[in-house]
C-alpha atoms as a PDB file:
ATOM      1  CA  UNK A   1      17.009  -9.670  -9.517  1.00  0.00           C
ATOM      2  CA  UNK A   2      13.929  -8.273 -11.200  1.00  0.00           C
ATOM      3  CA  UNK A   3      14.058  -5.099 -13.179  1.00  0.00           C
ATOM      4  CA  UNK A   4      13.149  -1.967 -11.291  1.00  0.00           C
ATOM      5  CA  UNK A   5       9.536  -0.891 -11.220  1.00  0.00           C
ATOM      6  CA  UNK A   6       8.086   2.628 -11.313  1.00  0.00           C
ATOM      7  CA  UNK A   7       7.806   2.482  -7.502  1.00  0.00           C
ATOM      8  CA  UNK A   8      11.551   1.726  -7.289  1.00  0.00           C
ATOM      9  CA  UNK A   9      12.410   4.555  -9.666  1.00  0.00           C
ATOM     10  CA  UNK A  10      10.379   7.000  -7.572  1.00  0.00           C
ATOM     11  CA  UNK A  11      12.213   5.948  -4.396  1.00  0.00           C
ATOM     12  CA  UNK A  12      15.544   6.201  -6.236  1.00  0.00           C
ATOM     13  CA  UNK A  13      14.722   9.736  -7.371  1.00  0.00           C
ATOM     14  CA  UNK A  14      13.989  10.681  -3.748  1.00  0.00           C
ATOM     15  CA  UNK A  15      17.221   9.027  -2.528  1.00  0.00           C
ATOM     16  CA  UNK A  16      15.227   6.704  -0.256  1.00  0.00           C
ATOM     17  CA  UNK A  17      17.042   3.546   0.839  1.00  0.00           C
ATOM     18  CA  UNK A  18      15.188   0.264   0.209  1.00  0.00           C
ATOM     19  CA  UNK A  19      15.748  -3.368  -0.694  1.00  0.00           C
ATOM     20  CA  UNK A  20      13.819  -5.592  -3.116  1.00  0.00           C
ATOM     21  CA  UNK A  21      12.527  -9.032  -2.155  1.00  0.00           C
ATOM     22  CA  UNK A  22      11.135 -11.535  -4.656  1.00  0.00           C
ATOM     23  CA  UNK A  23       8.743 -14.344  -3.776  1.00  0.00           C
ATOM     24  CA  UNK A  24       6.755 -17.037  -5.548  1.00  0.00           C
ATOM     25  CA  UNK A  25       3.182 -15.814  -5.869  1.00  0.00           C
ATOM     26  CA  UNK A  26      -0.031 -17.672  -6.468  1.00  0.00           C
ATOM     27  CA  UNK A  27      -3.298 -16.142  -7.710  1.00  0.00           C
ATOM     28  CA  UNK A  28      -5.111 -17.766  -4.784  1.00  0.00           C
ATOM     29  CA  UNK A  29      -2.586 -16.667  -2.145  1.00  0.00           C
ATOM     30  CA  UNK A  30      -2.275 -12.892  -2.450  1.00  0.00           C
ATOM     31  CA  UNK A  31      -3.294 -12.264   1.170  1.00  0.00           C
ATOM     32  CA  UNK A  32      -0.891  -9.957   3.057  1.00  0.00           C
ATOM     33  CA  UNK A  33      -0.342 -12.501   5.841  1.00  0.00           C
ATOM     34  CA  UNK A  34       0.741 -15.163   3.339  1.00  0.00           C
ATOM     35  CA  UNK A  35       3.017 -12.746   1.463  1.00  0.00           C
ATOM     36  CA  UNK A  36       4.562 -11.611   4.783  1.00  0.00           C
ATOM     37  CA  UNK A  37       5.456 -15.206   5.563  1.00  0.00           C
ATOM     38  CA  UNK A  38       6.957 -15.689   2.096  1.00  0.00           C
ATOM     39  CA  UNK A  39       9.262 -12.660   2.424  1.00  0.00           C
ATOM     40  CA  UNK A  40      10.095 -13.214   6.105  1.00  0.00           C
ATOM     41  CA  UNK A  41       8.409 -10.323   7.904  1.00  0.00           C
ATOM     42  CA  UNK A  42       5.651 -10.150  10.497  1.00  0.00           C
ATOM     43  CA  UNK A  43       2.150  -9.435   9.100  1.00  0.00           C
ATOM     44  CA  UNK A  44       2.183  -6.084  10.959  1.00  0.00           C
ATOM     45  CA  UNK A  45       5.168  -5.079   8.771  1.00  0.00           C
ATOM     46  CA  UNK A  46       3.410  -5.968   5.513  1.00  0.00           C
ATOM     47  CA  UNK A  47       1.453  -2.896   4.398  1.00  0.00           C
ATOM     48  CA  UNK A  48      -1.275  -3.472   1.823  1.00  0.00           C
ATOM     49  CA  UNK A  49      -2.517  -0.732  -0.485  1.00  0.00           C
ATOM     50  CA  UNK A  50      -6.280  -0.546  -0.954  1.00  0.00           C
ATOM     51  CA  UNK A  51      -8.186   1.539  -3.501  1.00  0.00           C
ATOM     52  CA  UNK A  52     -11.470   3.143  -2.457  1.00  0.00           C
ATOM     53  CA  UNK A  53     -14.054   5.600  -3.701  1.00  0.00           C
ATOM     54  CA  UNK A  54     -15.310   8.388  -1.457  1.00  0.00           C
ATOM     55  CA  UNK A  55     -18.753   9.900  -1.972  1.00  0.00           C
ATOM     56  CA  UNK A  56     -17.294  13.426  -2.000  1.00  0.00           C
ATOM     57  CA  UNK A  57     -13.628  13.085  -3.034  1.00  0.00           C
ATOM     58  CA  UNK A  58     -13.691  10.235  -5.515  1.00  0.00           C
ATOM     59  CA  UNK A  59     -10.778   7.785  -5.625  1.00  0.00           C
ATOM     60  CA  UNK A  60      -8.450   7.541  -2.625  1.00  0.00           C
ATOM     61  CA  UNK A  61      -5.873   4.983  -1.507  1.00  0.00           C
ATOM     62  CA  UNK A  62      -5.249   3.565   1.952  1.00  0.00           C
ATOM     63  CA  UNK A  63      -2.173   1.687   3.125  1.00  0.00           C
ATOM     64  CA  UNK A  64      -2.552  -0.440   6.264  1.00  0.00           C
ATOM     65  CA  UNK A  65      -0.762  -3.271   8.104  1.00  0.00           C
ATOM     66  CA  UNK A  66      -1.510  -6.746   6.774  1.00  0.00           C
ATOM     67  CA  UNK A  67      -2.788  -7.968  10.123  1.00  0.00           C
ATOM     68  CA  UNK A  68      -5.410  -5.202  10.428  1.00  0.00           C
ATOM     69  CA  UNK A  69      -8.692  -4.345   8.758  1.00  0.00           C
ATOM     70  CA  UNK A  70      -9.528  -0.960   7.307  1.00  0.00           C
ATOM     71  CA  UNK A  71     -12.083   1.021   9.319  1.00  0.00           C
ATOM     72  CA  UNK A  72     -14.225   2.541   6.573  1.00  0.00           C
ATOM     73  CA  UNK A  73     -15.919   5.039   8.902  1.00  0.00           C
ATOM     74  CA  UNK A  74     -12.688   6.506  10.256  1.00  0.00           C
ATOM     75  CA  UNK A  75     -11.175   6.628   6.761  1.00  0.00           C
ATOM     76  CA  UNK A  76     -14.292   8.412   5.489  1.00  0.00           C
ATOM     77  CA  UNK A  77     -13.997  10.987   8.265  1.00  0.00           C
ATOM     78  CA  UNK A  78     -10.229  11.435   7.773  1.00  0.00           C
ATOM     79  CA  UNK A  79     -10.676  11.905   4.021  1.00  0.00           C
ATOM     80  CA  UNK A  80     -13.586  14.364   4.166  1.00  0.00           C
ATOM     81  CA  UNK A  81     -16.188  11.862   2.974  1.00  0.00           C
ATOM     82  CA  UNK A  82     -19.458  10.719   4.485  1.00  0.00           C
ATOM     83  CA  UNK A  83     -18.715   7.206   3.276  1.00  0.00           C
ATOM     84  CA  UNK A  84     -16.061   5.298   1.386  1.00  0.00           C
ATOM     85  CA  UNK A  85     -16.244   1.911  -0.260  1.00  0.00           C
ATOM     86  CA  UNK A  86     -13.755  -0.450  -1.811  1.00  0.00           C
ATOM     87  CA  UNK A  87     -13.391  -0.149  -5.578  1.00  0.00           C
ATOM     88  CA  UNK A  88     -14.349  -3.366  -7.420  1.00  0.00           C
ATOM     89  CA  UNK A  89     -11.299  -5.465  -8.331  1.00  0.00           C
ATOM     90  CA  UNK A  90     -12.105  -5.103 -12.047  1.00  0.00           C
ATOM     91  CA  UNK A  91     -11.553  -1.312 -11.797  1.00  0.00           C
ATOM     92  CA  UNK A  92      -8.216  -1.369  -9.960  1.00  0.00           C
ATOM     93  CA  UNK A  93      -5.966  -1.745 -13.009  1.00  0.00           C
ATOM     94  CA  UNK A  94      -7.779   0.929 -15.009  1.00  0.00           C
ATOM     95  CA  UNK A  95      -7.496   3.386 -12.111  1.00  0.00           C
ATOM     96  CA  UNK A  96      -3.981   2.631 -10.861  1.00  0.00           C
ATOM     97  CA  UNK A  97      -2.114   0.801 -13.613  1.00  0.00           C
ATOM     98  CA  UNK A  98      -1.598  -2.066 -11.144  1.00  0.00           C
ATOM     99  CA  UNK A  99      -3.325  -5.414 -10.726  1.00  0.00           C
ATOM    100  CA  UNK A 100      -4.709  -6.882  -7.498  1.00  0.00           C
ATOM    101  CA  UNK A 101      -1.833  -8.208  -5.409  1.00  0.00           C
ATOM    102  CA  UNK A 102       0.602  -5.749  -6.957  1.00  0.00           C
ATOM    103  CA  UNK A 103      -0.751  -2.312  -6.012  1.00  0.00           C
ATOM    104  CA  UNK A 104       2.015  -0.043  -4.733  1.00  0.00           C
ATOM    105  CA  UNK A 105       1.452   3.269  -2.951  1.00  0.00           C
ATOM    106  CA  UNK A 106       4.020   4.701  -5.419  1.00  0.00           C
ATOM    107  CA  UNK A 107       3.736   5.149  -9.165  1.00  0.00           C
ATOM    108  CA  UNK A 108       0.007   4.850  -9.796  1.00  0.00           C
ATOM    109  CA  UNK A 109      -1.331   6.226 -13.088  1.00  0.00           C
ATOM    110  CA  UNK A 110      -2.697   9.195 -11.174  1.00  0.00           C
ATOM    111  CA  UNK A 111      -1.647  10.578  -7.805  1.00  0.00           C
ATOM    112  CA  UNK A 112      -4.609   9.842  -5.560  1.00  0.00           C
ATOM    113  CA  UNK A 113      -4.773  11.050  -1.961  1.00  0.00           C
ATOM    114  CA  UNK A 114      -3.069   8.378   0.174  1.00  0.00           C
ATOM    115  CA  UNK A 115      -4.042   7.648   3.774  1.00  0.00           C
ATOM    116  CA  UNK A 116      -1.394   5.726   5.670  1.00  0.00           C
ATOM    117  CA  UNK A 117      -2.039   4.043   9.009  1.00  0.00           C
ATOM    118  CA  UNK A 118      -0.143   6.133  11.555  1.00  0.00           C
ATOM    119  CA  UNK A 119       1.554   3.073  13.101  1.00  0.00           C
ATOM    120  CA  UNK A 120       3.885   3.024  10.083  1.00  0.00           C
ATOM    121  CA  UNK A 121       6.344   5.511  11.596  1.00  0.00           C
ATOM    122  CA  UNK A 122       7.305   2.974  14.273  1.00  0.00           C
ATOM    123  CA  UNK A 123       7.895   0.057  11.900  1.00  0.00           C
ATOM    124  CA  UNK A 124      11.213  -0.866  10.291  1.00  0.00           C
ATOM    125  CA  UNK A 125      11.245  -2.448   7.859  1.00  0.00           C
ATOM    126  CA  UNK A 126       7.863  -1.971   6.246  1.00  0.00           C
ATOM    127  CA  UNK A 127       7.118  -4.154   3.233  1.00  0.00           C
ATOM    128  CA  UNK A 128       5.032  -2.721   0.386  1.00  0.00           C
ATOM    129  CA  UNK A 129       4.339  -3.960  -3.111  1.00  0.00           C
ATOM    130  CA  UNK A 130       6.914  -2.874  -5.653  1.00  0.00           C
ATOM    131  CA  UNK A 131       4.132  -2.612  -8.217  1.00  0.00           C
ATOM    132  CA  UNK A 132       3.970  -6.179  -9.420  1.00  0.00           C
ATOM    133  CA  UNK A 133       3.091  -9.523  -7.943  1.00  0.00           C
ATOM    134  CA  UNK A 134       6.064 -11.385  -6.543  1.00  0.00           C
ATOM    135  CA  UNK A 135       8.147  -8.319  -5.662  1.00  0.00           C
ATOM    136  CA  UNK A 136       8.166  -6.388  -2.391  1.00  0.00           C
ATOM    137  CA  UNK A 137      10.032  -3.252  -1.332  1.00  0.00           C
ATOM    138  CA  UNK A 138      11.398  -3.083   2.233  1.00  0.00           C
ATOM    139  CA  UNK A 139      11.995   0.402   3.616  1.00  0.00           C
ATOM    140  CA  UNK A 140      11.788   2.288   6.895  1.00  0.00           C
ATOM    141  CA  UNK A 141       8.217   3.227   7.808  1.00  0.00           C
ATOM    142  CA  UNK A 142       9.280   6.839   8.393  1.00  0.00           C
ATOM    143  CA  UNK A 143      10.679   6.934   4.846  1.00  0.00           C
ATOM    144  CA  UNK A 144       7.439   5.492   3.449  1.00  0.00           C
ATOM    145  CA  UNK A 145       5.447   8.193   5.230  1.00  0.00           C
ATOM    146  CA  UNK A 146       7.733  10.994   4.057  1.00  0.00           C
ATOM    147  CA  UNK A 147       8.222   9.815   0.464  1.00  0.00           C
ATOM    148  CA  UNK A 148       4.559   9.071  -0.183  1.00  0.00           C
ATOM    149  CA  UNK A 149       3.234  12.426   1.028  1.00  0.00           C
ATOM    150  CA  UNK A 150       0.491  10.435   2.746  1.00  0.00           C
ATOM    151  CA  UNK A 151      -1.936  11.672   5.350  1.00  0.00           C
ATOM    152  CA  UNK A 152      -1.190   9.776   8.562  1.00  0.00           C
ATOM    153  CA  UNK A 153      -4.333   8.625  10.372  1.00  0.00           C
ATOM    154  CA  UNK A 154      -5.664   5.929  12.677  1.00  0.00           C
ATOM    155  CA  UNK A 155      -7.661   4.051  10.010  1.00  0.00           C
ATOM    156  CA  UNK A 156      -7.720   0.414  11.168  1.00  0.00           C
ATOM    157  CA  UNK A 157      -9.866  -1.721  13.435  1.00  0.00           C
ATOM    158  CA  UNK A 158      -8.179  -3.487  16.329  1.00  0.00           C
END
Protein backbone atom coordinates (compact mmCIF):
# COMPACT_ATOMS: atom_id res chain seq x y z
CA UNK A 1 0.00 0.00 0.00
CA UNK A 2 1.14 3.53 -0.70
CA UNK A 3 2.70 5.64 1.97
CA UNK A 4 0.34 7.90 3.85
CA UNK A 5 -0.27 11.38 2.51
CA UNK A 6 -0.78 14.62 4.44
CA UNK A 7 -4.55 14.13 4.02
CA UNK A 8 -4.25 10.69 5.68
CA UNK A 9 -2.17 12.08 8.53
CA UNK A 10 -4.77 14.79 9.17
CA UNK A 11 -7.56 12.20 9.34
CA UNK A 12 -5.41 10.02 11.62
CA UNK A 13 -4.83 12.96 13.97
CA UNK A 14 -8.60 13.50 14.16
CA UNK A 15 -9.24 9.77 14.76
CA UNK A 16 -11.40 9.58 11.62
CA UNK A 17 -11.88 6.10 10.18
CA UNK A 18 -11.05 5.72 6.47
CA UNK A 19 -9.64 3.27 3.95
CA UNK A 20 -7.18 3.87 1.09
CA UNK A 21 -7.84 2.69 -2.46
CA UNK A 22 -5.21 2.72 -5.20
CA UNK A 23 -5.98 2.79 -8.92
CA UNK A 24 -4.12 3.06 -12.20
CA UNK A 25 -4.35 6.65 -13.38
CA UNK A 26 -3.88 8.18 -16.78
CA UNK A 27 -3.22 11.87 -17.50
CA UNK A 28 -6.10 11.85 -19.99
CA UNK A 29 -8.56 10.07 -17.68
CA UNK A 30 -8.70 12.12 -14.48
CA UNK A 31 -12.46 12.70 -14.72
CA UNK A 32 -14.35 11.86 -11.49
CA UNK A 33 -16.71 9.46 -13.28
CA UNK A 34 -13.78 7.44 -14.66
CA UNK A 35 -11.99 7.39 -11.29
CA UNK A 36 -15.23 6.30 -9.57
CA UNK A 37 -15.45 3.33 -11.91
CA UNK A 38 -11.80 2.43 -11.27
CA UNK A 39 -12.25 2.36 -7.47
CA UNK A 40 -15.72 0.77 -7.54
CA UNK A 41 -18.04 3.51 -6.32
CA UNK A 42 -20.93 5.36 -7.94
CA UNK A 43 -20.03 8.77 -9.44
CA UNK A 44 -22.28 10.43 -6.82
CA UNK A 45 -19.92 9.03 -4.14
CA UNK A 46 -16.80 10.43 -5.80
CA UNK A 47 -16.30 13.98 -4.51
CA UNK A 48 -14.00 16.21 -6.53
CA UNK A 49 -12.21 19.20 -5.02
CA UNK A 50 -12.19 22.35 -7.14
CA UNK A 51 -10.15 25.51 -6.55
CA UNK A 52 -11.75 28.87 -7.30
CA UNK A 53 -11.12 32.57 -6.87
CA UNK A 54 -13.83 34.85 -5.49
CA UNK A 55 -13.89 38.54 -6.35
CA UNK A 56 -14.15 39.49 -2.66
CA UNK A 57 -12.68 36.57 -0.68
CA UNK A 58 -9.88 35.34 -2.90
CA UNK A 59 -9.14 31.61 -3.08
CA UNK A 60 -11.81 29.13 -1.97
CA UNK A 61 -12.30 25.40 -2.48
CA UNK A 62 -15.46 23.49 -3.34
CA UNK A 63 -16.03 19.76 -3.02
CA UNK A 64 -18.90 18.28 -5.04
CA UNK A 65 -20.16 14.89 -6.27
CA UNK A 66 -18.49 13.64 -9.44
CA UNK A 67 -21.77 13.36 -11.30
CA UNK A 68 -22.72 17.02 -10.70
CA UNK A 69 -21.55 20.39 -11.95
CA UNK A 70 -20.64 23.30 -9.72
CA UNK A 71 -23.16 26.15 -9.76
CA UNK A 72 -20.88 29.20 -9.75
CA UNK A 73 -23.68 31.63 -8.87
CA UNK A 74 -24.84 29.73 -5.79
CA UNK A 75 -21.24 29.19 -4.66
CA UNK A 76 -20.56 32.91 -5.09
CA UNK A 77 -23.59 33.75 -2.96
CA UNK A 78 -22.75 31.12 -0.30
CA UNK A 79 -19.16 32.37 -0.07
CA UNK A 80 -19.94 36.10 0.12
CA UNK A 81 -18.73 36.87 -3.41
CA UNK A 82 -20.44 38.52 -6.35
CA UNK A 83 -18.72 36.05 -8.65
CA UNK A 84 -16.32 33.14 -8.49
CA UNK A 85 -14.29 31.54 -11.24
CA UNK A 86 -12.18 28.44 -11.56
CA UNK A 87 -8.47 28.95 -10.97
CA UNK A 88 -6.35 28.10 -14.05
CA UNK A 89 -4.85 24.61 -13.84
CA UNK A 90 -1.32 26.07 -13.91
CA UNK A 91 -1.99 27.84 -10.57
CA UNK A 92 -3.42 24.87 -8.66
CA UNK A 93 -0.12 23.38 -7.49
CA UNK A 94 1.31 26.73 -6.39
CA UNK A 95 -1.82 27.48 -4.37
CA UNK A 96 -2.57 24.06 -2.88
CA UNK A 97 0.58 21.96 -3.11
CA UNK A 98 -1.43 19.44 -5.16
CA UNK A 99 -1.61 18.75 -8.89
CA UNK A 100 -4.76 18.43 -11.00
CA UNK A 101 -6.33 15.04 -10.39
CA UNK A 102 -4.84 14.83 -6.90
CA UNK A 103 -6.36 17.78 -5.02
CA UNK A 104 -7.60 16.73 -1.59
CA UNK A 105 -9.84 18.85 0.64
CA UNK A 106 -7.31 18.08 3.42
CA UNK A 107 -3.70 19.19 3.73
CA UNK A 108 -3.46 22.05 1.26
CA UNK A 109 -0.53 24.47 1.66
CA UNK A 110 -2.95 26.99 3.12
CA UNK A 111 -6.33 26.43 4.75
CA UNK A 112 -8.78 27.95 2.29
CA UNK A 113 -12.50 28.20 3.03
CA UNK A 114 -14.07 24.92 1.86
CA UNK A 115 -17.64 24.66 0.57
CA UNK A 116 -18.97 21.12 0.58
CA UNK A 117 -22.12 20.08 -1.26
CA UNK A 118 -24.68 19.41 1.46
CA UNK A 119 -25.63 16.00 0.00
CA UNK A 120 -22.39 14.63 1.48
CA UNK A 121 -23.92 13.92 4.89
CA UNK A 122 -26.13 11.22 3.37
CA UNK A 123 -23.36 9.41 1.49
CA UNK A 124 -21.28 6.52 2.82
CA UNK A 125 -18.68 5.95 1.66
CA UNK A 126 -17.53 9.17 0.05
CA UNK A 127 -14.37 8.96 -2.04
CA UNK A 128 -11.97 11.92 -2.06
CA UNK A 129 -8.45 12.31 -3.35
CA UNK A 130 -5.79 11.35 -0.84
CA UNK A 131 -3.61 14.12 -2.23
CA UNK A 132 -1.99 12.33 -5.12
CA UNK A 133 -3.12 10.80 -8.36
CA UNK A 134 -3.93 7.12 -8.09
CA UNK A 135 -4.96 7.15 -4.42
CA UNK A 136 -8.42 7.74 -2.99
CA UNK A 137 -9.66 7.95 0.60
CA UNK A 138 -13.04 6.39 1.44
CA UNK A 139 -14.78 7.75 4.53
CA UNK A 140 -18.27 8.49 5.79
CA UNK A 141 -19.69 11.71 4.34
CA UNK A 142 -20.61 12.92 7.84
CA UNK A 143 -16.97 12.46 8.88
CA UNK A 144 -15.77 14.39 5.82
CA UNK A 145 -18.09 17.27 6.70
CA UNK A 146 -17.03 17.32 10.35
CA UNK A 147 -13.29 16.83 9.83
CA UNK A 148 -12.96 19.38 7.04
CA UNK A 149 -14.73 22.22 8.87
CA UNK A 150 -16.47 22.91 5.57
CA UNK A 151 -19.47 25.13 4.99
CA UNK A 152 -22.31 22.89 3.83
CA UNK A 153 -24.30 24.38 0.95
CA UNK A 154 -26.37 23.45 -2.08
CA UNK A 155 -23.73 24.35 -4.69
CA UNK A 156 -24.42 22.05 -7.66
CA UNK A 157 -26.62 22.10 -10.73
CA UNK A 158 -29.06 19.25 -11.22
